[in-house]
Amino acid sequence: MSRRILRSFGLTSAAVAMATVAMLAGTSPSLAQGNVPAIGEVDQCIPLSRIKRTKAVDNQTIVVEMRGQDGWRKMETASRCIGLKIEDSFSYSTSLTQLCKGDIIRVLGTGGARCGLSQITAISEEDAKALMKKK
């Protein structure tokens, strides 16, 4: 039986949404045990229950802070996702307990652009902070 999960992320709702997802989905054994990928390693998917918060840094890049010692990820869309940076919130629908390369996100707010995720990469905390300061 597959179950569809629809979640929205924004600055104020991320913590509540992820707590709900964590209760529904459980934790991923590999990440829960601290198997952090090497910086620059490409992930196919990231477990929803391990996402702590997200920050859209431009219309094509989202920085993801993972829970615990799971590090940081940079998610990139295949093309510009109009409104992503301004709205800094998105939703997705998945039948899995993971967000994966190829999944579609939808910008919340005006326009509601839909964009496919093209890459998920492990980045350092320093790189994440530098991206989030980007204007």
C-alpha atoms as a PDB file:
ATOM      1  CA  MET A   1       0.000   0.000   0.000  1.00  0.00           C
ATOM      2  CA  SER A   2       1.501   3.330  -0.934  1.00  0.00           C
ATOM      3  CA  ARG A   3       0.791   6.497   0.942  1.00  0.00           C
ATOM      4  CA  ARG A   4       1.026  10.002  -0.474  1.00  0.00           C
ATOM      5  CA  ILE A   5       2.704  12.626   1.622  1.00  0.00           C
ATOM      6  CA  LEU A   6       2.065  16.291   0.893  1.00  0.00           C
ATOM      7  CA  ARG A   7       4.143  18.724   2.863  1.00  0.00           C
ATOM      8  CA  SER A   8       4.879  22.413   2.591  1.00  0.00           C
ATOM      9  CA  PHE A   9       8.024  24.091   3.760  1.00  0.00           C
ATOM     10  CA  GLY A  10       8.511  27.673   4.728  1.00  0.00           C
ATOM     11  CA  LEU A  11      10.355  29.463   7.456  1.00  0.00           C
ATOM     12  CA  THR A  12       7.535  29.166   9.995  1.00  0.00           C
ATOM     13  CA  SER A  13       6.013  25.793   9.149  1.00  0.00           C
ATOM     14  CA  ALA A  14       9.085  23.620   8.559  1.00  0.00           C
ATOM     15  CA  ALA A  15       9.510  22.442  12.145  1.00  0.00           C
ATOM     16  CA  VAL A  16       5.860  21.481  12.560  1.00  0.00           C
ATOM     17  CA  ALA A  17       5.729  19.742   9.177  1.00  0.00           C
ATOM     18  CA  MET A  18       8.883  17.749   9.818  1.00  0.00           C
ATOM     19  CA  ALA A  19       7.748  16.641  13.279  1.00  0.00           C
ATOM     20  CA  THR A  20       4.593  15.274  11.666  1.00  0.00           C
ATOM     21  CA  VAL A  21       6.558  13.571   8.903  1.00  0.00           C
ATOM     22  CA  ALA A  22       8.966  12.069  11.437  1.00  0.00           C
ATOM     23  CA  MET A  23       6.086  10.532  13.374  1.00  0.00           C
ATOM     24  CA  LEU A  24       4.570   9.100  10.186  1.00  0.00           C
ATOM     25  CA  ALA A  25       7.738   7.970   8.467  1.00  0.00           C
ATOM     26  CA  GLY A  26      10.217   6.960  11.157  1.00  0.00           C
ATOM     27  CA  THR A  27      13.899   7.543  10.580  1.00  0.00           C
ATOM     28  CA  SER A  28      16.202   6.306   7.875  1.00  0.00           C
ATOM     29  CA  PRO A  29      18.592   3.697   9.325  1.00  0.00           C
ATOM     30  CA  SER A  30      21.595   4.878   7.323  1.00  0.00           C
ATOM     31  CA  LEU A  31      21.297   8.548   8.260  1.00  0.00           C
ATOM     32  CA  ALA A  32      20.045   7.868  11.782  1.00  0.00           C
ATOM     33  CA  GLN A  33      23.310   6.026  12.435  1.00  0.00           C
ATOM     34  CA  GLY A  34      25.349   9.045  11.358  1.00  0.00           C
ATOM     35  CA  ASN A  35      26.485   7.817   7.931  1.00  0.00           C
ATOM     36  CA  VAL A  36      27.034  11.321   6.601  1.00  0.00           C
ATOM     37  CA  PRO A  37      27.987  11.394   2.906  1.00  0.00           C
ATOM     38  CA  ALA A  38      31.292  12.972   1.929  1.00  0.00           C
ATOM     39  CA  ILE A  39      31.189  16.622   0.866  1.00  0.00           C
ATOM     40  CA  GLY A  40      30.370  16.760  -2.838  1.00  0.00           C
ATOM     41  CA  GLU A  41      28.756  13.310  -2.845  1.00  0.00           C
ATOM     42  CA  VAL A  42      25.516  13.202  -4.801  1.00  0.00           C
ATOM     43  CA  ASP A  43      22.432  11.736  -3.096  1.00  0.00           C
ATOM     44  CA  GLN A  44      19.557  10.219  -5.046  1.00  0.00           C
ATOM     45  CA  CYS A  45      17.152  10.919  -2.150  1.00  0.00           C
ATOM     46  CA  ILE A  46      17.018  12.400   1.339  1.00  0.00           C
ATOM     47  CA  PRO A  47      14.698  11.034   4.048  1.00  0.00           C
ATOM     48  CA  LEU A  48      11.883  13.450   4.897  1.00  0.00           C
ATOM     49  CA  SER A  49      12.222  12.660   8.596  1.00  0.00           C
ATOM     50  CA  ARG A  50      15.844  13.891   8.592  1.00  0.00           C
ATOM     51  CA  ILE A  51      15.113  17.364   7.126  1.00  0.00           C
ATOM     52  CA  LYS A  52      15.343  20.027   9.816  1.00  0.00           C
ATOM     53  CA  ARG A  53      14.803  23.178   7.700  1.00  0.00           C
ATOM     54  CA  THR A  54      15.151  24.529   4.193  1.00  0.00           C
ATOM     55  CA  LYS A  55      16.214  27.884   2.729  1.00  0.00           C
ATOM     56  CA  ALA A  56      15.761  28.912  -0.910  1.00  0.00           C
ATOM     57  CA  VAL A  57      18.861  30.932  -1.804  1.00  0.00           C
ATOM     58  CA  ASP A  58      17.855  31.687  -5.387  1.00  0.00           C
ATOM     59  CA  ASN A  59      15.312  30.481  -7.944  1.00  0.00           C
ATOM     60  CA  GLN A  60      17.216  27.255  -8.544  1.00  0.00           C
ATOM     61  CA  THR A  61      18.932  26.338  -5.254  1.00  0.00           C
ATOM     62  CA  ILE A  62      17.633  25.191  -1.856  1.00  0.00           C
ATOM     63  CA  VAL A  63      19.913  24.620   1.131  1.00  0.00           C
ATOM     64  CA  VAL A  64      18.725  21.826   3.421  1.00  0.00           C
ATOM     65  CA  GLU A  65      19.828  21.499   7.044  1.00  0.00           C
ATOM     66  CA  MET A  66      19.555  17.891   8.136  1.00  0.00           C
ATOM     67  CA  ARG A  67      18.819  16.708  11.687  1.00  0.00           C
ATOM     68  CA  GLY A  68      21.543  15.705  14.126  1.00  0.00           C
ATOM     69  CA  GLN A  69      24.894  14.909  12.577  1.00  0.00           C
ATOM     70  CA  ASP A  70      23.490  14.357   9.079  1.00  0.00           C
ATOM     71  CA  GLY A  71      25.040  17.537   7.679  1.00  0.00           C
ATOM     72  CA  TRP A  72      23.771  19.815   4.922  1.00  0.00           C
ATOM     73  CA  ARG A  73      22.516  19.308   1.374  1.00  0.00           C
ATOM     74  CA  LYS A  74      22.106  21.538  -1.642  1.00  0.00           C
ATOM     75  CA  MET A  75      19.084  20.728  -3.810  1.00  0.00           C
ATOM     76  CA  GLU A  76      19.034  22.162  -7.308  1.00  0.00           C
ATOM     77  CA  THR A  77      16.140  22.370  -9.727  1.00  0.00           C
ATOM     78  CA  ALA A  78      16.533  21.480 -13.403  1.00  0.00           C
ATOM     79  CA  SER A  79      15.674  25.056 -14.426  1.00  0.00           C
ATOM     80  CA  ARG A  80      14.813  28.379 -12.807  1.00  0.00           C
ATOM     81  CA  CYS A  81      11.853  27.984 -10.484  1.00  0.00           C
ATOM     82  CA  ILE A  82      10.162  31.392 -10.630  1.00  0.00           C
ATOM     83  CA  GLY A  83       9.271  32.774  -7.198  1.00  0.00           C
ATOM     84  CA  LEU A  84      11.245  30.217  -5.173  1.00  0.00           C
ATOM     85  CA  LYS A  85      13.634  32.742  -3.617  1.00  0.00           C
ATOM     86  CA  ILE A  86      10.961  35.360  -2.883  1.00  0.00           C
ATOM     87  CA  GLU A  87       8.425  32.927  -1.417  1.00  0.00           C
ATOM     88  CA  ASP A  88      11.088  30.727   0.264  1.00  0.00           C
ATOM     89  CA  SER A  89       8.501  27.969   0.639  1.00  0.00           C
ATOM     90  CA  PHE A  90       7.513  24.976  -1.412  1.00  0.00           C
ATOM     91  CA  SER A  91       5.423  21.832  -1.289  1.00  0.00           C
ATOM     92  CA  TYR A  92       5.851  18.398  -2.772  1.00  0.00           C
ATOM     93  CA  SER A  93       3.860  15.210  -3.073  1.00  0.00           C
ATOM     94  CA  THR A  94       5.477  11.801  -2.785  1.00  0.00           C
ATOM     95  CA  SER A  95       4.398   8.252  -2.095  1.00  0.00           C
ATOM     96  CA  LEU A  96       7.785   7.612  -0.492  1.00  0.00           C
ATOM     97  CA  THR A  97       9.255   8.789   2.797  1.00  0.00           C
ATOM     98  CA  GLN A  98      12.010  10.534   0.842  1.00  0.00           C
ATOM     99  CA  LEU A  99      12.493  13.549  -1.396  1.00  0.00           C
ATOM    100  CA  CYS A 100      14.364  12.385  -4.491  1.00  0.00           C
ATOM    101  CA  LYS A 101      16.079  13.606  -7.630  1.00  0.00           C
ATOM    102  CA  GLY A 102      13.340  13.915 -10.259  1.00  0.00           C
ATOM    103  CA  ASP A 103      10.593  14.774  -7.743  1.00  0.00           C
ATOM    104  CA  ILE A 104       8.525  17.880  -8.484  1.00  0.00           C
ATOM    105  CA  ILE A 105       8.264  20.769  -6.021  1.00  0.00           C
ATOM    106  CA  ARG A 106       5.673  23.555  -6.235  1.00  0.00           C
ATOM    107  CA  VAL A 107       6.415  27.092  -5.088  1.00  0.00           C
ATOM    108  CA  LEU A 108       3.818  28.268  -2.589  1.00  0.00           C
ATOM    109  CA  GLY A 109       2.297  31.693  -3.018  1.00  0.00           C
ATOM    110  CA  THR A 110       1.824  33.656  -6.213  1.00  0.00           C
ATOM    111  CA  GLY A 111       2.338  31.742  -9.425  1.00  0.00           C
ATOM    112  CA  GLY A 112       2.891  28.292  -7.964  1.00  0.00           C
ATOM    113  CA  ALA A 113       5.716  27.321 -10.325  1.00  0.00           C
ATOM    114  CA  ARG A 114       6.387  23.585 -10.561  1.00  0.00           C
ATOM    115  CA  CYS A 115      10.019  22.490 -10.847  1.00  0.00           C
ATOM    116  CA  GLY A 116      11.859  19.177 -10.957  1.00  0.00           C
ATOM    117  CA  LEU A 117      14.766  18.449  -8.620  1.00  0.00           C
ATOM    118  CA  SER A 118      17.857  17.709 -10.694  1.00  0.00           C
ATOM    119  CA  GLN A 119      20.539  17.189  -8.057  1.00  0.00           C
ATOM    120  CA  ILE A 120      21.016  16.705  -4.327  1.00  0.00           C
ATOM    121  CA  THR A 121      24.576  17.201  -3.109  1.00  0.00           C
ATOM    122  CA  ALA A 122      26.211  16.995   0.327  1.00  0.00           C
ATOM    123  CA  ILE A 123      27.826  20.325   1.247  1.00  0.00           C
ATOM    124  CA  SER A 124      29.801  21.604   4.216  1.00  0.00           C
ATOM    125  CA  GLU A 125      28.259  23.778   6.903  1.00  0.00           C
ATOM    126  CA  GLU A 126      30.542  26.614   5.766  1.00  0.00           C
ATOM    127  CA  ASP A 127      29.305  26.307   2.172  1.00  0.00           C
ATOM    128  CA  ALA A 128      25.686  26.178   3.393  1.00  0.00           C
ATOM    129  CA  LYS A 129      26.123  29.345   5.449  1.00  0.00           C
ATOM    130  CA  ALA A 130      27.860  31.113   2.550  1.00  0.00           C
ATOM    131  CA  LEU A 131      25.005  30.184   0.199  1.00  0.00           C
ATOM    132  CA  MET A 132      22.382  31.381   2.694  1.00  0.00           C
ATOM    133  CA  LYS A 133      24.133  34.774   2.975  1.00  0.00           C
ATOM    134  CA  LYS A 134      24.114  35.161  -0.806  1.00  0.00           C
ATOM    135  CA  LYS A 135      22.092  38.137  -2.026  1.00  0.00           C
END
